[in-house]
Structures are given as structure tokens and as C-alpha cells.
Amino acid sequence: MDFLRRWSGVAILVLLALLSFSKGLKLWSLGTNIDGDGIGVYFFLIEITDLLPEERIPTYAAGFFILSLVALIISIAMIRENIVKVDASQ
């Protein structure tokens, strides 16, 4: 049970890193090519903002990139910790 709990946390963080990196790429690729006053930004079916001005899109993209990097670093640290615990128990 402890094994499953440790690795499920890693899986959730890796999924968060992949999804946030994907969202950052989507926002970055939009650039300033939008219609109207702005765009709505959703993440995990949660509305982050309903009217993001086009000049702030790169800032939000960078935020999602930073989130993915932090989640990836934490998941790598958890993987190392899990491997050390597995080696110590054998």
C-alpha cells in the first residue's frame, strides 16, 4: 500500500507537468493572433480567467512553463526518494 501511495504522487506530478507544459505551448503558439478583446484560459476544467488581454498571453504561458518545471523537479526528487527507499528495504 505504501508503495502505491508513493508512486501515485509521482504519477500525479508528472501528469501535472505534462498538462501545464502543453497549456503553455498552446498559449505561446497563440501569440497575439486572437479575435476580440481577449481569450478565456481554462486549466483542469477550471476557469483561470475569462478575458485575458493579448499582451498578457506570453506571461501566462511562462507561468505554465514554470509550473511544469517545478512539478517535474519535485517529481524527480520523489522518484529519487522512492528508489532509495526501495533499495534500503531490500
Protein backbone atom coordinates (compact mmCIF):
# COMPACT_ATOMS: atom_id res chain seq x y z
CA MET A 1 0.00 0.00 0.00
CA ASP A 2 2.82 2.38 0.84
CA PHE A 3 4.46 1.56 -2.48
CA LEU A 4 1.29 2.50 -4.38
CA ARG A 5 0.86 5.74 -2.45
CA ARG A 6 4.44 6.87 -3.09
CA TRP A 7 4.34 6.22 -6.83
CA SER A 8 0.84 7.64 -7.35
CA GLY A 9 2.11 11.01 -6.10
CA VAL A 10 4.88 10.86 -8.68
CA ALA A 11 2.39 9.98 -11.41
CA ILE A 12 0.12 12.89 -10.49
CA LEU A 13 3.02 15.36 -10.52
CA VAL A 14 4.29 14.08 -13.88
CA LEU A 15 0.76 14.41 -15.31
CA LEU A 16 0.53 17.96 -13.93
CA ALA A 17 3.89 18.79 -15.51
CA LEU A 18 2.85 17.43 -18.91
CA LEU A 19 -0.54 19.14 -18.92
CA SER A 20 0.82 22.50 -17.79
CA PHE A 21 3.64 22.32 -20.36
CA SER A 22 1.05 21.55 -23.04
CA LYS A 23 -1.09 24.51 -21.94
CA GLY A 24 1.97 26.77 -22.00
CA LEU A 25 2.77 25.66 -25.55
CA LYS A 26 -0.81 26.30 -26.67
CA LEU A 27 -0.79 29.78 -25.18
CA TRP A 28 2.66 30.53 -26.59
CA SER A 29 1.59 29.44 -30.08
CA LEU A 30 -1.41 31.79 -29.96
CA GLY A 31 0.83 34.80 -29.55
CA THR A 32 -1.23 37.83 -30.48
CA ASN A 33 -3.37 36.04 -33.06
CA ILE A 34 -6.73 36.37 -31.28
CA ASP A 35 -10.10 37.83 -32.14
CA GLY A 36 -11.84 40.31 -29.89
CA ASP A 37 -10.64 41.74 -26.60
CA GLY A 38 -9.02 38.61 -25.17
CA ILE A 39 -9.31 34.89 -24.53
CA GLY A 40 -10.52 32.66 -21.72
CA VAL A 41 -7.95 30.42 -20.05
CA TYR A 42 -9.03 27.08 -18.58
CA PHE A 43 -6.90 24.50 -16.78
CA PHE A 44 -8.35 21.20 -15.47
CA LEU A 45 -11.84 22.45 -16.40
CA ILE A 46 -11.33 25.42 -14.06
CA GLU A 47 -11.55 28.91 -15.47
CA ILE A 48 -8.37 30.82 -14.69
CA THR A 49 -9.55 34.00 -16.36
CA ASP A 50 -12.37 34.77 -18.74
CA LEU A 51 -10.79 37.73 -20.50
CA LEU A 52 -7.02 37.57 -20.86
CA PRO A 53 -5.70 40.52 -22.88
CA GLU A 54 -3.43 39.58 -25.77
CA GLU A 55 -0.40 41.38 -24.30
CA ARG A 56 -0.56 39.15 -21.17
CA ILE A 57 -0.70 35.82 -23.04
CA PRO A 58 3.12 35.32 -23.00
CA THR A 59 3.13 35.97 -19.23
CA TYR A 60 0.54 33.26 -18.64
CA ALA A 61 2.42 30.89 -20.98
CA ALA A 62 5.62 31.47 -18.99
CA GLY A 63 3.68 30.80 -15.78
CA PHE A 64 2.52 27.44 -17.10
CA PHE A 65 6.08 26.62 -18.18
CA ILE A 66 7.36 27.45 -14.69
CA LEU A 67 4.62 25.32 -13.13
CA SER A 68 5.59 22.38 -15.32
CA LEU A 69 9.27 22.79 -14.44
CA VAL A 70 8.58 22.92 -10.70
CA ALA A 71 6.27 19.88 -10.86
CA LEU A 72 8.90 17.97 -12.84
CA ILE A 73 11.68 18.84 -10.37
CA ILE A 74 9.53 17.74 -7.43
CA SER A 75 8.59 14.50 -9.18
CA ILE A 76 12.26 13.75 -9.93
CA ALA A 77 13.09 14.32 -6.26
CA MET A 78 10.24 11.99 -5.27
CA ILE A 79 11.47 9.35 -7.73
CA ARG A 80 14.96 9.50 -6.23
CA GLU A 81 13.49 9.23 -2.73
CA ASN A 82 11.31 6.27 -3.74
CA ILE A 83 14.25 4.45 -5.31
CA VAL A 84 16.36 4.99 -2.19
CA LYS A 85 13.53 3.62 -0.01
CA VAL A 86 13.14 0.58 -2.26
CA ASP A 87 16.90 -0.09 -2.17
CA ALA A 88 17.02 0.33 1.61
CA SER A 89 14.18 -2.12 2.18
CA GLN A 90 15.90 -4.90 0.19
